[in-house]
Amino acid sequence: GRKYPELVLKHSLDREEQNFHQLVLTAVDGGDPPQSGTAQIQIQVTDANDNPPVFIQDIYKVSLQEGVPQGFSVLQVTATD
C-alpha cells in the first residue's frame, strides 16, 4: 500500500514566540541508486486568543457638562491583546 509521512508536534506552538515555520521534507526511496524528492512545508500559527485584552490605563475619568446630546461620544479607549 501507499505510505504517507506524518508531521507530529513535540510541544505546543506559541504564536507570540514564533508565528511562522518553514520546513523541507525529503523522501528517499529504497532503489539503487536511490531517488529522492523534496517538498516545502509552511506553517502559519494562528492566535489561540489566550490573552485577555489589556487597557492602557486602569482608571479613566471623564467630566461632562449637563445637556450633552444623546449619542455624544464621551471617551475612546484602546485595549491590546
N, C-alpha and C. Protein backbone atom coordinates (compact mmCIF):
# COMPACT_ATOMS: atom_id res chain seq x y z
N GLY A 1 0.82 -1.19 0.00
CA GLY A 1 0.00 0.00 0.00
C GLY A 1 0.86 1.25 0.00
N ARG A 2 0.20 2.37 -0.11
CA ARG A 2 0.90 3.66 -0.11
C ARG A 2 1.28 4.04 1.30
N LYS A 3 2.41 4.70 1.41
CA LYS A 3 2.86 5.18 2.71
C LYS A 3 2.81 6.69 2.72
N TYR A 4 2.37 7.26 3.85
CA TYR A 4 2.24 8.70 3.98
C TYR A 4 3.07 9.18 5.16
N PRO A 5 3.81 10.29 4.98
CA PRO A 5 4.55 10.84 6.13
C PRO A 5 3.60 11.52 7.10
N GLU A 6 3.98 11.58 8.36
CA GLU A 6 3.22 12.29 9.38
C GLU A 6 4.09 13.36 10.00
N LEU A 7 3.51 14.53 10.20
CA LEU A 7 4.17 15.62 10.92
C LEU A 7 3.55 15.68 12.30
N VAL A 8 4.35 15.42 13.35
CA VAL A 8 3.86 15.33 14.71
C VAL A 8 4.55 16.38 15.56
N LEU A 9 3.76 17.17 16.31
CA LEU A 9 4.33 18.20 17.19
C LEU A 9 4.92 17.55 18.44
N LYS A 10 6.11 17.98 18.84
CA LYS A 10 6.70 17.52 20.10
C LYS A 10 6.30 18.40 21.27
N HIS A 11 5.88 19.64 20.98
CA HIS A 11 5.37 20.56 22.01
C HIS A 11 4.40 21.52 21.33
N SER A 12 3.60 22.19 22.14
CA SER A 12 2.61 23.11 21.56
C SER A 12 3.30 24.32 20.94
N LEU A 13 2.63 24.92 19.97
CA LEU A 13 3.16 26.10 19.29
C LEU A 13 2.64 27.36 19.97
N ASP A 14 3.49 28.37 20.06
CA ASP A 14 3.12 29.65 20.66
C ASP A 14 3.32 30.74 19.62
N ARG A 15 2.22 31.35 19.18
CA ARG A 15 2.30 32.37 18.13
C ARG A 15 3.14 33.56 18.55
N GLU A 16 3.09 33.91 19.84
CA GLU A 16 3.89 35.05 20.30
C GLU A 16 5.39 34.75 20.24
N GLU A 17 5.75 33.48 20.37
CA GLU A 17 7.17 33.09 20.31
C GLU A 17 7.65 32.99 18.87
N GLN A 18 6.86 32.33 18.02
CA GLN A 18 7.19 32.21 16.59
C GLN A 18 5.90 31.94 15.84
N ASN A 19 5.56 32.81 14.89
CA ASN A 19 4.27 32.68 14.21
C ASN A 19 4.36 32.04 12.84
N PHE A 20 5.57 31.65 12.42
CA PHE A 20 5.73 31.05 11.09
C PHE A 20 6.86 30.04 11.14
N HIS A 21 6.64 28.87 10.55
CA HIS A 21 7.67 27.83 10.47
C HIS A 21 7.76 27.39 9.02
N GLN A 22 8.98 27.20 8.53
CA GLN A 22 9.19 26.71 7.18
C GLN A 22 10.08 25.48 7.25
N LEU A 23 9.59 24.35 6.72
CA LEU A 23 10.30 23.07 6.78
C LEU A 23 10.52 22.55 5.37
N VAL A 24 11.52 21.68 5.21
CA VAL A 24 11.74 20.98 3.94
C VAL A 24 11.63 19.49 4.23
N LEU A 25 10.70 18.81 3.54
CA LEU A 25 10.51 17.38 3.68
C LEU A 25 11.21 16.69 2.52
N THR A 26 12.07 15.72 2.84
CA THR A 26 12.77 14.96 1.81
C THR A 26 12.37 13.49 1.93
N ALA A 27 11.92 12.90 0.81
CA ALA A 27 11.56 11.48 0.76
C ALA A 27 12.59 10.77 -0.11
N VAL A 28 13.05 9.60 0.37
CA VAL A 28 14.04 8.81 -0.36
C VAL A 28 13.48 7.40 -0.54
N ASP A 29 13.54 6.87 -1.77
CA ASP A 29 13.05 5.51 -1.99
C ASP A 29 14.16 4.50 -1.70
N GLY A 30 13.83 3.23 -1.82
CA GLY A 30 14.81 2.18 -1.49
C GLY A 30 15.55 1.66 -2.71
N GLY A 31 15.51 2.40 -3.81
CA GLY A 31 16.14 1.92 -5.04
C GLY A 31 17.66 2.04 -5.03
N ASP A 32 18.27 1.50 -6.11
CA ASP A 32 19.72 1.57 -6.26
C ASP A 32 20.01 2.03 -7.68
N PRO A 33 20.41 3.25 -7.91
CA PRO A 33 20.65 4.30 -6.90
C PRO A 33 19.33 4.85 -6.36
N PRO A 34 19.35 5.36 -5.12
CA PRO A 34 18.12 5.88 -4.53
C PRO A 34 17.66 7.17 -5.23
N GLN A 35 16.35 7.29 -5.36
CA GLN A 35 15.74 8.50 -5.90
C GLN A 35 15.15 9.29 -4.72
N SER A 36 15.12 10.61 -4.83
CA SER A 36 14.57 11.42 -3.74
C SER A 36 13.75 12.57 -4.31
N GLY A 37 12.90 13.08 -3.46
CA GLY A 37 12.10 14.24 -3.82
C GLY A 37 11.92 15.11 -2.58
N THR A 38 11.71 16.40 -2.78
CA THR A 38 11.54 17.31 -1.64
C THR A 38 10.27 18.12 -1.80
N ALA A 39 9.74 18.57 -0.69
CA ALA A 39 8.57 19.46 -0.67
C ALA A 39 8.77 20.46 0.45
N GLN A 40 8.36 21.70 0.22
CA GLN A 40 8.42 22.72 1.25
C GLN A 40 7.12 22.73 2.03
N ILE A 41 7.22 22.83 3.35
CA ILE A 41 6.05 22.90 4.22
C ILE A 41 6.11 24.23 4.96
N GLN A 42 5.05 25.03 4.82
CA GLN A 42 4.97 26.31 5.51
C GLN A 42 3.83 26.24 6.51
N ILE A 43 4.12 26.56 7.77
CA ILE A 43 3.12 26.50 8.83
C ILE A 43 2.93 27.90 9.39
N GLN A 44 1.70 28.41 9.29
CA GLN A 44 1.34 29.71 9.87
C GLN A 44 0.58 29.44 11.16
N VAL A 45 1.10 29.91 12.29
CA VAL A 45 0.47 29.68 13.58
C VAL A 45 -0.52 30.81 13.83
N THR A 46 -1.79 30.46 14.07
CA THR A 46 -2.81 31.47 14.33
C THR A 46 -2.97 31.68 15.83
N ASP A 47 -3.60 32.79 16.18
CA ASP A 47 -3.76 33.17 17.58
C ASP A 47 -4.83 32.32 18.25
N ALA A 48 -4.51 31.76 19.42
CA ALA A 48 -5.47 30.95 20.17
C ALA A 48 -6.34 31.81 21.07
N ASN A 49 -6.16 33.13 21.01
CA ASN A 49 -6.91 34.05 21.87
C ASN A 49 -6.73 33.68 23.33
N ASP A 50 -5.46 33.49 23.72
CA ASP A 50 -5.14 33.05 25.08
C ASP A 50 -4.75 34.20 26.01
N ASN A 51 -4.85 35.43 25.54
CA ASN A 51 -4.51 36.58 26.38
C ASN A 51 -5.71 37.53 26.45
N PRO A 52 -6.10 37.93 27.66
CA PRO A 52 -7.21 38.88 27.76
C PRO A 52 -6.78 40.28 27.30
N PRO A 53 -7.71 41.10 26.83
CA PRO A 53 -7.36 42.47 26.45
C PRO A 53 -6.86 43.27 27.66
N VAL A 54 -5.88 44.13 27.43
CA VAL A 54 -5.32 44.98 28.49
C VAL A 54 -5.49 46.44 28.07
N PHE A 55 -6.09 47.24 28.95
CA PHE A 55 -6.27 48.66 28.67
C PHE A 55 -4.99 49.43 28.99
N ILE A 56 -4.80 50.55 28.32
CA ILE A 56 -3.60 51.36 28.53
C ILE A 56 -3.59 51.93 29.95
N GLN A 57 -4.77 52.32 30.47
CA GLN A 57 -4.89 52.85 31.83
C GLN A 57 -5.81 51.95 32.63
N ASP A 58 -5.62 51.95 33.96
CA ASP A 58 -6.51 51.19 34.84
C ASP A 58 -7.80 51.96 35.12
N ILE A 59 -7.72 53.30 35.21
CA ILE A 59 -8.88 54.13 35.53
C ILE A 59 -8.97 55.25 34.50
N TYR A 60 -10.19 55.48 34.00
CA TYR A 60 -10.46 56.59 33.09
C TYR A 60 -11.47 57.51 33.76
N LYS A 61 -11.20 58.81 33.76
CA LYS A 61 -12.12 59.79 34.35
C LYS A 61 -12.54 60.78 33.28
N VAL A 62 -13.85 61.08 33.24
CA VAL A 62 -14.40 61.99 32.24
C VAL A 62 -15.32 62.98 32.94
N SER A 63 -15.21 64.25 32.59
CA SER A 63 -16.14 65.28 33.08
C SER A 63 -16.98 65.76 31.91
N LEU A 64 -18.31 65.81 32.12
CA LEU A 64 -19.22 66.26 31.07
C LEU A 64 -20.10 67.39 31.58
N GLN A 65 -20.43 68.32 30.71
CA GLN A 65 -21.42 69.33 31.05
C GLN A 65 -22.80 68.73 30.85
N GLU A 66 -23.76 69.14 31.68
CA GLU A 66 -25.10 68.61 31.51
C GLU A 66 -25.68 69.09 30.18
N GLY A 67 -26.61 68.33 29.68
CA GLY A 67 -27.25 68.71 28.42
C GLY A 67 -26.52 68.17 27.20
N VAL A 68 -25.57 67.28 27.41
CA VAL A 68 -24.87 66.68 26.27
C VAL A 68 -25.89 65.84 25.49
N PRO A 69 -25.93 65.95 24.16
CA PRO A 69 -26.95 65.24 23.39
C PRO A 69 -26.75 63.72 23.42
N GLN A 70 -27.87 62.99 23.26
CA GLN A 70 -27.82 61.54 23.21
C GLN A 70 -26.96 61.10 22.03
N GLY A 71 -26.14 60.07 22.24
CA GLY A 71 -25.26 59.57 21.19
C GLY A 71 -23.94 60.29 21.11
N PHE A 72 -23.70 61.27 22.01
CA PHE A 72 -22.44 62.02 22.04
C PHE A 72 -21.30 61.07 22.43
N SER A 73 -20.19 61.12 21.71
CA SER A 73 -19.03 60.28 22.02
C SER A 73 -18.33 60.84 23.25
N VAL A 74 -18.31 60.06 24.33
CA VAL A 74 -17.75 60.51 25.60
C VAL A 74 -16.27 60.20 25.72
N LEU A 75 -15.87 58.99 25.33
CA LEU A 75 -14.49 58.56 25.55
C LEU A 75 -14.15 57.45 24.57
N GLN A 76 -12.93 57.47 24.03
CA GLN A 76 -12.46 56.37 23.20
C GLN A 76 -11.24 55.77 23.87
N VAL A 77 -11.26 54.46 24.11
CA VAL A 77 -10.16 53.78 24.80
C VAL A 77 -9.58 52.73 23.87
N THR A 78 -8.38 52.29 24.21
CA THR A 78 -7.70 51.24 23.41
C THR A 78 -7.28 50.11 24.34
N ALA A 79 -7.53 48.89 23.89
CA ALA A 79 -7.07 47.71 24.63
C ALA A 79 -6.29 46.83 23.65
N THR A 80 -5.21 46.24 24.12
CA THR A 80 -4.41 45.37 23.27
C THR A 80 -4.44 43.94 23.80
N ASP A 81 -4.37 43.00 22.87
CA ASP A 81 -4.41 41.57 23.19
C ASP A 81 -3.01 41.01 22.97
